[in-house]
Amino acid sequence: MNIITEIVTLKTAEGVFKDDFIEIVDGLEKNFHSLQFGFIDTELLYDDTNDEWVMLQHWSTMDSLKAASKKMFQDSAAEEFVKSLIPGSVKMRMLPQVKTWRLE
């Protein structure tokens, strides 16, 4: 199965601390993303050197990803997340999976 990976880099607004943001993302994943058709999973990463967050998400199709992305900015379950960001810092890439390798 070829899935879609979304790579989002972002910075949080002043006054939003790491633990706060992790809790905000937890709410976003439980109350929004996990309820969207085609959602598979999310991984949250933090780059100390750039004070930047990275979210990796997997979706079953590009259409599912695009529908959820459009809906996110209109859904109250995502409101706290959206408000916690520096808007100009958000960069998104959506890429189809070509191949995977796993250690057995």
PDB file of N, CA and C in Angstrom:
ATOM      1  N   MET A   1       0.844  -1.185   0.000  1.00  0.00           N
ATOM      2  CA  MET A   1       0.000   0.000   0.000  1.00  0.00           C
ATOM      3  C   MET A   1       0.886   1.243   0.000  1.00  0.00           C
ATOM      4  N   ASN A   2       0.685   2.122  -0.936  1.00  0.00           N
ATOM      5  CA  ASN A   2       1.408   3.388  -0.969  1.00  0.00           C
ATOM      6  C   ASN A   2       0.591   4.437  -0.238  1.00  0.00           C
ATOM      7  N   ILE A   3       1.185   5.032   0.744  1.00  0.00           N
ATOM      8  CA  ILE A   3       0.504   6.035   1.544  1.00  0.00           C
ATOM      9  C   ILE A   3       1.069   7.414   1.240  1.00  0.00           C
ATOM     10  N   ILE A   4       0.449   8.430   1.803  1.00  0.00           N
ATOM     11  CA  ILE A   4       0.908   9.806   1.635  1.00  0.00           C
ATOM     12  C   ILE A   4       1.515  10.260   2.955  1.00  0.00           C
ATOM     13  N   THR A   5       2.677  10.872   2.894  1.00  0.00           N
ATOM     14  CA  THR A   5       3.313  11.437   4.080  1.00  0.00           C
ATOM     15  C   THR A   5       3.249  12.951   3.977  1.00  0.00           C
ATOM     16  N   GLU A   6       2.771  13.553   5.051  1.00  0.00           N
ATOM     17  CA  GLU A   6       2.752  15.010   5.152  1.00  0.00           C
ATOM     18  C   GLU A   6       3.850  15.404   6.132  1.00  0.00           C
ATOM     19  N   ILE A   7       4.702  16.321   5.717  1.00  0.00           N
ATOM     20  CA  ILE A   7       5.767  16.834   6.571  1.00  0.00           C
ATOM     21  C   ILE A   7       5.461  18.304   6.816  1.00  0.00           C
ATOM     22  N   VAL A   8       5.215  18.643   8.085  1.00  0.00           N
ATOM     23  CA  VAL A   8       4.880  20.010   8.442  1.00  0.00           C
ATOM     24  C   VAL A   8       5.939  20.527   9.404  1.00  0.00           C
ATOM     25  N   THR A   9       6.562  21.651   9.074  1.00  0.00           N
ATOM     26  CA  THR A   9       7.475  22.315  10.001  1.00  0.00           C
ATOM     27  C   THR A   9       6.789  23.582  10.472  1.00  0.00           C
ATOM     28  N   LEU A  10       7.000  23.915  11.749  1.00  0.00           N
ATOM     29  CA  LEU A  10       6.312  25.072  12.314  1.00  0.00           C
ATOM     30  C   LEU A  10       7.002  25.540  13.577  1.00  0.00           C
ATOM     31  N   LYS A  11       6.689  26.762  13.948  1.00  0.00           N
ATOM     32  CA  LYS A  11       7.161  27.341  15.206  1.00  0.00           C
ATOM     33  C   LYS A  11       5.947  27.780  16.003  1.00  0.00           C
ATOM     34  N   THR A  12       6.080  27.723  17.312  1.00  0.00           N
ATOM     35  CA  THR A  12       4.967  28.105  18.168  1.00  0.00           C
ATOM     36  C   THR A  12       5.064  29.577  18.556  1.00  0.00           C
ATOM     37  N   ALA A  13       3.908  30.129  18.866  1.00  0.00           N
ATOM     38  CA  ALA A  13       3.817  31.526  19.271  1.00  0.00           C
ATOM     39  C   ALA A  13       4.542  31.733  20.601  1.00  0.00           C
ATOM     40  N   GLU A  14       4.923  32.960  20.855  1.00  0.00           N
ATOM     41  CA  GLU A  14       5.593  33.306  22.104  1.00  0.00           C
ATOM     42  C   GLU A  14       4.686  32.929  23.278  1.00  0.00           C
ATOM     43  N   GLY A  15       5.280  32.336  24.298  1.00  0.00           N
ATOM     44  CA  GLY A  15       4.527  31.944  25.478  1.00  0.00           C
ATOM     45  C   GLY A  15       3.966  30.529  25.424  1.00  0.00           C
ATOM     46  N   VAL A  16       4.106  29.847  24.278  1.00  0.00           N
ATOM     47  CA  VAL A  16       3.674  28.451  24.164  1.00  0.00           C
ATOM     48  C   VAL A  16       4.909  27.585  24.396  1.00  0.00           C
ATOM     49  N   PHE A  17       4.957  26.938  25.547  1.00  0.00           N
ATOM     50  CA  PHE A  17       6.121  26.146  25.931  1.00  0.00           C
ATOM     51  C   PHE A  17       5.998  24.712  25.416  1.00  0.00           C
ATOM     52  N   LYS A  18       7.129  23.986  25.410  1.00  0.00           N
ATOM     53  CA  LYS A  18       7.166  22.635  24.852  1.00  0.00           C
ATOM     54  C   LYS A  18       6.083  21.733  25.421  1.00  0.00           C
ATOM     55  N   ASP A  19       5.996  21.660  26.750  1.00  0.00           N
ATOM     56  CA  ASP A  19       4.999  20.774  27.361  1.00  0.00           C
ATOM     57  C   ASP A  19       3.583  21.191  26.996  1.00  0.00           C
ATOM     58  N   ASP A  20       3.353  22.502  26.913  1.00  0.00           N
ATOM     59  CA  ASP A  20       2.033  23.005  26.518  1.00  0.00           C
ATOM     60  C   ASP A  20       1.703  22.554  25.095  1.00  0.00           C
ATOM     61  N   PHE A  21       2.680  22.693  24.208  1.00  0.00           N
ATOM     62  CA  PHE A  21       2.434  22.363  22.810  1.00  0.00           C
ATOM     63  C   PHE A  21       2.203  20.865  22.631  1.00  0.00           C
ATOM     64  N   ILE A  22       2.936  20.055  23.343  1.00  0.00           N
ATOM     65  CA  ILE A  22       2.733  18.603  23.263  1.00  0.00           C
ATOM     66  C   ILE A  22       1.301  18.269  23.682  1.00  0.00           C
ATOM     67  N   GLU A  23       0.805  18.911  24.725  1.00  0.00           N
ATOM     68  CA  GLU A  23      -0.566  18.693  25.184  1.00  0.00           C
ATOM     69  C   GLU A  23      -1.575  19.188  24.131  1.00  0.00           C
ATOM     70  N   ILE A  24      -1.289  20.324  23.516  1.00  0.00           N
ATOM     71  CA  ILE A  24      -2.163  20.858  22.467  1.00  0.00           C
ATOM     72  C   ILE A  24      -2.234  19.889  21.284  1.00  0.00           C
ATOM     73  N   VAL A  25      -1.085  19.372  20.865  1.00  0.00           N
ATOM     74  CA  VAL A  25      -1.051  18.425  19.753  1.00  0.00           C
ATOM     75  C   VAL A  25      -1.757  17.123  20.139  1.00  0.00           C
ATOM     76  N   ASP A  26      -1.611  16.701  21.383  1.00  0.00           N
ATOM     77  CA  ASP A  26      -2.314  15.506  21.852  1.00  0.00           C
ATOM     78  C   ASP A  26      -3.824  15.683  21.664  1.00  0.00           C
ATOM     79  N   GLY A  27      -4.334  16.838  22.049  1.00  0.00           N
ATOM     80  CA  GLY A  27      -5.758  17.121  21.860  1.00  0.00           C
ATOM     81  C   GLY A  27      -6.143  17.152  20.396  1.00  0.00           C
ATOM     82  N   LEU A  28      -5.293  17.751  19.559  1.00  0.00           N
ATOM     83  CA  LEU A  28      -5.546  17.806  18.123  1.00  0.00           C
ATOM     84  C   LEU A  28      -5.634  16.400  17.533  1.00  0.00           C
ATOM     85  N   GLU A  29      -4.714  15.539  17.936  1.00  0.00           N
ATOM     86  CA  GLU A  29      -4.701  14.178  17.379  1.00  0.00           C
ATOM     87  C   GLU A  29      -5.900  13.361  17.858  1.00  0.00           C
ATOM     88  N   LYS A  30      -6.255  13.487  19.132  1.00  0.00           N
ATOM     89  CA  LYS A  30      -7.377  12.713  19.678  1.00  0.00           C
ATOM     90  C   LYS A  30      -8.734  13.238  19.217  1.00  0.00           C
ATOM     91  N   ASN A  31      -8.850  14.564  19.095  1.00  0.00           N
ATOM     92  CA  ASN A  31     -10.157  15.166  18.838  1.00  0.00           C
ATOM     93  C   ASN A  31     -10.379  15.631  17.404  1.00  0.00           C
ATOM     94  N   PHE A  32      -9.327  15.586  16.585  1.00  0.00           N
ATOM     95  CA  PHE A  32      -9.503  15.983  15.187  1.00  0.00           C
ATOM     96  C   PHE A  32      -8.919  14.955  14.216  1.00  0.00           C
ATOM     97  N   HIS A  33      -7.586  14.854  14.162  1.00  0.00           N
ATOM     98  CA  HIS A  33      -6.974  13.995  13.138  1.00  0.00           C
ATOM     99  C   HIS A  33      -7.452  12.545  13.200  1.00  0.00           C
ATOM    100  N   SER A  34      -7.512  11.978  14.382  1.00  0.00           N
ATOM    101  CA  SER A  34      -7.897  10.562  14.490  1.00  0.00           C
ATOM    102  C   SER A  34      -9.326  10.307  14.022  1.00  0.00           C
ATOM    103  N   LEU A  35     -10.124  11.356  13.905  1.00  0.00           N
ATOM    104  CA  LEU A  35     -11.518  11.222  13.465  1.00  0.00           C
ATOM    105  C   LEU A  35     -11.683  11.444  11.962  1.00  0.00           C
ATOM    106  N   GLN A  36     -10.595  11.782  11.283  1.00  0.00           N
ATOM    107  CA  GLN A  36     -10.667  12.080   9.849  1.00  0.00           C
ATOM    108  C   GLN A  36     -10.481  10.811   9.025  1.00  0.00           C
ATOM    109  N   PHE A  37     -11.267  10.708   7.971  1.00  0.00           N
ATOM    110  CA  PHE A  37     -11.175   9.570   7.064  1.00  0.00           C
ATOM    111  C   PHE A  37      -9.776   9.518   6.442  1.00  0.00           C
ATOM    112  N   GLY A  38      -9.160   8.346   6.462  1.00  0.00           N
ATOM    113  CA  GLY A  38      -7.862   8.155   5.828  1.00  0.00           C
ATOM    114  C   GLY A  38      -6.657   8.430   6.707  1.00  0.00           C
ATOM    115  N   PHE A  39      -6.886   8.933   7.939  1.00  0.00           N
ATOM    116  CA  PHE A  39      -5.767   9.218   8.843  1.00  0.00           C
ATOM    117  C   PHE A  39      -5.142   7.911   9.320  1.00  0.00           C
ATOM    118  N   ILE A  40      -3.809   7.858   9.347  1.00  0.00           N
ATOM    119  CA  ILE A  40      -3.097   6.671   9.832  1.00  0.00           C
ATOM    120  C   ILE A  40      -2.393   6.976  11.150  1.00  0.00           C
ATOM    121  N   ASP A  41      -1.474   7.948  11.151  1.00  0.00           N
ATOM    122  CA  ASP A  41      -0.761   8.284  12.389  1.00  0.00           C
ATOM    123  C   ASP A  41      -0.034   9.611  12.266  1.00  0.00           C
ATOM    124  N   THR A  42       0.443  10.095  13.423  1.00  0.00           N
ATOM    125  CA  THR A  42       1.235  11.328  13.487  1.00  0.00           C
ATOM    126  C   THR A  42       2.435  11.087  14.381  1.00  0.00           C
ATOM    127  N   GLU A  43       3.546  11.684  14.017  1.00  0.00           N
ATOM    128  CA  GLU A  43       4.742  11.693  14.853  1.00  0.00           C
ATOM    129  C   GLU A  43       5.138  13.151  15.046  1.00  0.00           C
ATOM    130  N   LEU A  44       5.436  13.527  16.288  1.00  0.00           N
ATOM    131  CA  LEU A  44       5.833  14.897  16.606  1.00  0.00           C
ATOM    132  C   LEU A  44       7.306  14.909  16.974  1.00  0.00           C
ATOM    133  N   LEU A  45       8.070  15.799  16.337  1.00  0.00           N
ATOM    134  CA  LEU A  45       9.511  15.911  16.559  1.00  0.00           C
ATOM    135  C   LEU A  45       9.846  17.355  16.906  1.00  0.00           C
ATOM    136  N   TYR A  46      10.980  17.554  17.590  1.00  0.00           N
ATOM    137  CA  TYR A  46      11.395  18.910  17.937  1.00  0.00           C
ATOM    138  C   TYR A  46      12.870  19.095  17.641  1.00  0.00           C
ATOM    139  N   ASP A  47      13.206  20.189  16.968  1.00  0.00           N
ATOM    140  CA  ASP A  47      14.582  20.524  16.625  1.00  0.00           C
ATOM    141  C   ASP A  47      15.027  21.678  17.529  1.00  0.00           C
ATOM    142  N   ASP A  48      15.826  21.347  18.559  1.00  0.00           N
ATOM    143  CA  ASP A  48      16.307  22.347  19.522  1.00  0.00           C
ATOM    144  C   ASP A  48      17.143  23.435  18.861  1.00  0.00           C
ATOM    145  N   THR A  49      17.908  23.069  17.837  1.00  0.00           N
ATOM    146  CA  THR A  49      18.818  24.043  17.231  1.00  0.00           C
ATOM    147  C   THR A  49      18.071  25.168  16.506  1.00  0.00           C
ATOM    148  N   ASN A  50      16.893  24.862  15.978  1.00  0.00           N
ATOM    149  CA  ASN A  50      16.107  25.868  15.246  1.00  0.00           C
ATOM    150  C   ASN A  50      14.833  26.267  15.977  1.00  0.00           C
ATOM    151  N   ASP A  51      14.618  25.704  17.165  1.00  0.00           N
ATOM    152  CA  ASP A  51      13.384  25.965  17.910  1.00  0.00           C
ATOM    153  C   ASP A  51      12.174  25.736  17.002  1.00  0.00           C
ATOM    154  N   GLU A  52      12.190  24.575  16.335  1.00  0.00           N
ATOM    155  CA  GLU A  52      11.178  24.266  15.322  1.00  0.00           C
ATOM    156  C   GLU A  52      10.601  22.874  15.561  1.00  0.00           C
ATOM    157  N   TRP A  53       9.300  22.765  15.383  1.00  0.00           N
ATOM    158  CA  TRP A  53       8.596  21.489  15.479  1.00  0.00           C
ATOM    159  C   TRP A  53       8.431  20.900  14.083  1.00  0.00           C
ATOM    160  N   VAL A  54       8.403  19.565  14.030  1.00  0.00           N
ATOM    161  CA  VAL A  54       8.126  18.846  12.793  1.00  0.00           C
ATOM    162  C   VAL A  54       7.043  17.817  13.099  1.00  0.00           C
ATOM    163  N   MET A  55       6.004  17.830  12.293  1.00  0.00           N
ATOM    164  CA  MET A  55       4.959  16.813  12.404  1.00  0.00           C
ATOM    165  C   MET A  55       5.005  15.957  11.147  1.00  0.00           C
ATOM    166  N   LEU A  56       5.075  14.654  11.344  1.00  0.00           N
ATOM    167  CA  LEU A  56       5.012  13.704  10.233  1.00  0.00           C
ATOM    168  C   LEU A  56       3.677  12.987  10.344  1.00  0.00           C
ATOM    169  N   GLN A  57       2.895  13.045   9.297  1.00  0.00           N
ATOM    170  CA  GLN A  57       1.606  12.365   9.303  1.00  0.00           C
ATOM    171  C   GLN A  57       1.525  11.435   8.107  1.00  0.00           C
ATOM    172  N   HIS A  58       0.807  10.350   8.318  1.00  0.00           N
ATOM    173  CA  HIS A  58       0.567   9.401   7.240  1.00  0.00           C
ATOM    174  C   HIS A  58      -0.932   9.310   6.978  1.00  0.00           C
ATOM    175  N   TRP A  59      -1.271   9.300   5.707  1.00  0.00           N
ATOM    176  CA  TRP A  59      -2.661   9.260   5.254  1.00  0.00           C
ATOM    177  C   TRP A  59      -2.806   8.186   4.192  1.00  0.00           C
ATOM    178  N   SER A  60      -4.008   7.650   4.076  1.00  0.00           N
ATOM    179  CA  SER A  60      -4.236   6.588   3.094  1.00  0.00           C
ATOM    180  C   SER A  60      -4.266   7.123   1.661  1.00  0.00           C
ATOM    181  N   THR A  61      -4.728   8.369   1.483  1.00  0.00           N
ATOM    182  CA  THR A  61      -4.777   8.950   0.137  1.00  0.00           C
ATOM    183  C   THR A  61      -4.495  10.458   0.203  1.00  0.00           C
ATOM    184  N   MET A  62      -4.108  11.015  -0.904  1.00  0.00           N
ATOM    185  CA  MET A  62      -3.888  12.460  -0.999  1.00  0.00           C
ATOM    186  C   MET A  62      -5.209  13.208  -0.795  1.00  0.00           C
ATOM    187  N   ASP A  63      -6.302  12.661  -1.314  1.00  0.00           N
ATOM    188  CA  ASP A  63      -7.601  13.308  -1.142  1.00  0.00           C
ATOM    189  C   ASP A  63      -7.995  13.394   0.329  1.00  0.00           C
ATOM    190  N   SER A  64      -7.730  12.344   1.095  1.00  0.00           N
ATOM    191  CA  SER A  64      -8.023  12.356   2.538  1.00  0.00           C
ATOM    192  C   SER A  64      -7.221  13.437   3.243  1.00  0.00           C
ATOM    193  N   LEU A  65      -5.961  13.516   2.919  1.00  0.00           N
ATOM    194  CA  LEU A  65      -5.081  14.521   3.521  1.00  0.00           C
ATOM    195  C   LEU A  65      -5.562  15.934   3.190  1.00  0.00           C
ATOM    196  N   LYS A  66      -5.857  16.186   1.936  1.00  0.00           N
ATOM    197  CA  LYS A  66      -6.289  17.524   1.528  1.00  0.00           C
ATOM    198  C   LYS A  66      -7.621  17.908   2.164  1.00  0.00           C
ATOM    199  N   ALA A  67      -8.539  16.970   2.264  1.00  0.00           N
ATOM    200  CA  ALA A  67      -9.834  17.248   2.888  1.00  0.00           C
ATOM    201  C   ALA A  67      -9.670  17.600   4.363  1.00  0.00           C
ATOM    202  N   ALA A  68      -8.825  16.855   5.064  1.00  0.00           N
ATOM    203  CA  ALA A  68      -8.587  17.119   6.486  1.00  0.00           C
ATOM    204  C   ALA A  68      -7.880  18.452   6.686  1.00  0.00           C
ATOM    205  N   SER A  69      -6.918  18.762   5.825  1.00  0.00           N
ATOM    206  CA  SER A  69      -6.194  20.029   5.938  1.00  0.00           C
ATOM    207  C   SER A  69      -7.134  21.212   5.754  1.00  0.00           C
ATOM    208  N   LYS A  70      -8.033  21.104   4.801  1.00  0.00           N
ATOM    209  CA  LYS A  70      -8.995  22.181   4.548  1.00  0.00           C
ATOM    210  C   LYS A  70      -9.955  22.336   5.734  1.00  0.00           C
ATOM    211  N   LYS A  71     -10.404  21.219   6.265  1.00  0.00           N
ATOM    212  CA  LYS A  71     -11.368  21.223   7.367  1.00  0.00           C
ATOM    213  C   LYS A  71     -10.749  21.719   8.675  1.00  0.00           C
ATOM    214  N   MET A  72      -9.456  21.498   8.857  1.00  0.00           N
ATOM    215  CA  MET A  72      -8.795  21.808  10.125  1.00  0.00           C
ATOM    216  C   MET A  72      -8.955  23.267  10.530  1.00  0.00           C
ATOM    217  N   PHE A  73      -8.891  24.175   9.586  1.00  0.00           N
ATOM    218  CA  PHE A  73      -8.956  25.597   9.917  1.00  0.00           C
ATOM    219  C   PHE A  73     -10.378  26.085  10.166  1.00  0.00           C
ATOM    220  N   GLN A  74     -11.343  25.163  10.062  1.00  0.00           N
ATOM    221  CA  GLN A  74     -12.737  25.506  10.312  1.00  0.00           C
ATOM    222  C   GLN A  74     -13.307  24.722  11.487  1.00  0.00           C
ATOM    223  N   ASP A  75     -12.543  23.794  12.039  1.00  0.00           N
ATOM    224  CA  ASP A  75     -13.041  22.905  13.085  1.00  0.00           C
ATOM    225  C   ASP A  75     -12.615  23.409  14.463  1.00  0.00           C
ATOM    226  N   SER A  76     -13.559  23.489  15.393  1.00  0.00           N
ATOM    227  CA  SER A  76     -13.253  23.989  16.742  1.00  0.00           C
ATOM    228  C   SER A  76     -12.261  23.094  17.484  1.00  0.00           C
ATOM    229  N   ALA A  77     -12.177  21.814  17.128  1.00  0.00           N
ATOM    230  CA  ALA A  77     -11.233  20.901  17.783  1.00  0.00           C
ATOM    231  C   ALA A  77      -9.786  21.241  17.447  1.00  0.00           C
ATOM    232  N   ALA A  78      -9.575  22.015  16.386  1.00  0.00           N
ATOM    233  CA  ALA A  78      -8.222  22.393  15.977  1.00  0.00           C
ATOM    234  C   ALA A  78      -7.894  23.839  16.333  1.00  0.00           C
ATOM    235  N   GLU A  79      -8.840  24.550  16.905  1.00  0.00           N
ATOM    236  CA  GLU A  79      -8.682  25.985  17.158  1.00  0.00           C
ATOM    237  C   GLU A  79      -7.485  26.297  18.063  1.00  0.00           C
ATOM    238  N   GLU A  80      -7.321  25.567  19.152  1.00  0.00           N
ATOM    239  CA  GLU A  80      -6.207  25.836  20.069  1.00  0.00           C
ATOM    240  C   GLU A  80      -4.869  25.604  19.376  1.00  0.00           C
ATOM    241  N   PHE A  81      -4.781  24.559  18.563  1.00  0.00           N
ATOM    242  CA  PHE A  81      -3.567  24.269  17.818  1.00  0.00           C
ATOM    243  C   PHE A  81      -3.236  25.423  16.868  1.00  0.00           C
ATOM    244  N   VAL A  82      -4.202  25.844  16.088  1.00  0.00           N
ATOM    245  CA  VAL A  82      -3.991  26.916  15.105  1.00  0.00           C
ATOM    246  C   VAL A  82      -3.539  28.196  15.811  1.00  0.00           C
ATOM    247  N   LYS A  83      -4.149  28.519  16.934  1.00  0.00           N
ATOM    248  CA  LYS A  83      -3.799  29.734  17.673  1.00  0.00           C
ATOM    249  C   LYS A  83      -2.406  29.664  18.303  1.00  0.00           C
ATOM    250  N   SER A  84      -1.870  28.456  18.494  1.00  0.00           N
ATOM    251  CA  SER A  84      -0.568  28.297  19.139  1.00  0.00           C
ATOM    252  C   SER A  84       0.605  28.471  18.169  1.00  0.00           C
ATOM    253  N   LEU A  85       0.321  28.666  16.899  1.00  0.00           N
ATOM    254  CA  LEU A  85       1.360  28.724  15.865  1.00  0.00           C
ATOM    255  C   LEU A  85       1.721  30.147  15.463  1.00  0.00           C
ATOM    256  N   ILE A  86       2.937  30.305  14.966  1.00  0.00           N
ATOM    257  CA  ILE A  86       3.312  31.508  14.235  1.00  0.00           C
ATOM    258  C   ILE A  86       2.923  31.212  12.787  1.00  0.00           C
ATOM    259  N   PRO A  87       1.870  31.858  12.275  1.00  0.00           N
ATOM    260  CA  PRO A  87       1.343  31.479  10.956  1.00  0.00           C
ATOM    261  C   PRO A  87       2.374  31.437   9.831  1.00  0.00           C
ATOM    262  N   GLY A  88       3.231  32.403   9.733  1.00  0.00           N
ATOM    263  CA  GLY A  88       4.205  32.436   8.654  1.00  0.00           C
ATOM    264  C   GLY A  88       5.274  31.352   8.743  1.00  0.00           C
ATOM    265  N   SER A  89       5.337  30.658   9.882  1.00  0.00           N
ATOM    266  CA  SER A  89       6.365  29.632  10.061  1.00  0.00           C
ATOM    267  C   SER A  89       5.934  28.263   9.538  1.00  0.00           C
ATOM    268  N   VAL A  90       4.671  28.093   9.243  1.00  0.00           N
ATOM    269  CA  VAL A  90       4.143  26.778   8.860  1.00  0.00           C
ATOM    270  C   VAL A  90       4.472  26.483   7.402  1.00  0.00           C
ATOM    271  N   LYS A  91       5.154  25.352   7.211  1.00  0.00           N
ATOM    272  CA  LYS A  91       5.490  24.893   5.859  1.00  0.00           C
ATOM    273  C   LYS A  91       5.061  23.437   5.740  1.00  0.00           C
ATOM    274  N   MET A  92       4.349  23.128   4.663  1.00  0.00           N
ATOM    275  CA  MET A  92       3.818  21.778   4.472  1.00  0.00           C
ATOM    276  C   MET A  92       4.320  21.171   3.167  1.00  0.00           C
ATOM    277  N   ARG A  93       4.627  19.883   3.261  1.00  0.00           N
ATOM    278  CA  ARG A  93       4.949  19.102   2.061  1.00  0.00           C
ATOM    279  C   ARG A  93       4.115  17.836   2.110  1.00  0.00           C
ATOM    280  N   MET A  94       3.567  17.444   0.971  1.00  0.00           N
ATOM    281  CA  MET A  94       2.752  16.234   0.869  1.00  0.00           C
ATOM    282  C   MET A  94       3.366  15.358  -0.209  1.00  0.00           C
ATOM    283  N   LEU A  95       3.832  14.188   0.203  1.00  0.00           N
ATOM    284  CA  LEU A  95       4.586  13.341  -0.722  1.00  0.00           C
ATOM    285  C   LEU A  95       4.065  11.915  -0.730  1.00  0.00           C
ATOM    286  N   PRO A  96       3.933  11.312  -1.907  1.00  0.00           N
ATOM    287  CA  PRO A  96       3.520   9.911  -1.964  1.00  0.00           C
ATOM    288  C   PRO A  96       4.691   8.984  -1.651  1.00  0.00           C
ATOM    289  N   GLN A  97       4.390   7.939  -0.936  1.00  0.00           N
ATOM    290  CA  GLN A  97       5.401   6.940  -0.594  1.00  0.00           C
ATOM    291  C   GLN A  97       5.775   6.169  -1.853  1.00  0.00           C
ATOM    292  N   VAL A  98       7.067   5.941  -2.011  1.00  0.00           N
ATOM    293  CA  VAL A  98       7.553   5.189  -3.154  1.00  0.00           C
ATOM    294  C   VAL A  98       7.880   3.753  -2.755  1.00  0.00           C
ATOM    295  N   LYS A  99       8.574   3.603  -1.633  1.00  0.00           N
ATOM    296  CA  LYS A  99       8.970   2.273  -1.148  1.00  0.00           C
ATOM    297  C   LYS A  99       9.306   2.365   0.330  1.00  0.00           C
ATOM    298  N   THR A 100       9.179   1.258   1.045  1.00  0.00           N
ATOM    299  CA  THR A 100       9.579   1.204   2.456  1.00  0.00           C
ATOM    300  C   THR A 100      10.503   0.005   2.672  1.00  0.00           C
ATOM    301  N   TRP A 101      11.323   0.122   3.707  1.00  0.00           N
ATOM    302  CA  TRP A 101      12.189  -0.969   4.147  1.00  0.00           C
ATOM    303  C   TRP A 101      12.019  -1.099   5.656  1.00  0.00           C
ATOM    304  N   ARG A 102      11.986  -2.306   6.147  1.00  0.00           N
ATOM    305  CA  ARG A 102      11.862  -2.560   7.584  1.00  0.00           C
ATOM    306  C   ARG A 102      12.823  -3.669   7.996  1.00  0.00           C
ATOM    307  N   LEU A 103      13.360  -3.511   9.183  1.00  0.00           N
ATOM    308  CA  LEU A 103      14.154  -4.598   9.736  1.00  0.00           C
ATOM    309  C   LEU A 103      13.207  -5.667  10.249  1.00  0.00           C
ATOM    310  N   GLU A 104      13.486  -6.874   9.960  1.00  0.00           N
ATOM    311  CA  GLU A 104      12.625  -7.986  10.406  1.00  0.00           C
ATOM    312  C   GLU A 104      13.202  -8.629  11.629  1.00  0.00           C
TER     313      GLU A 104
END
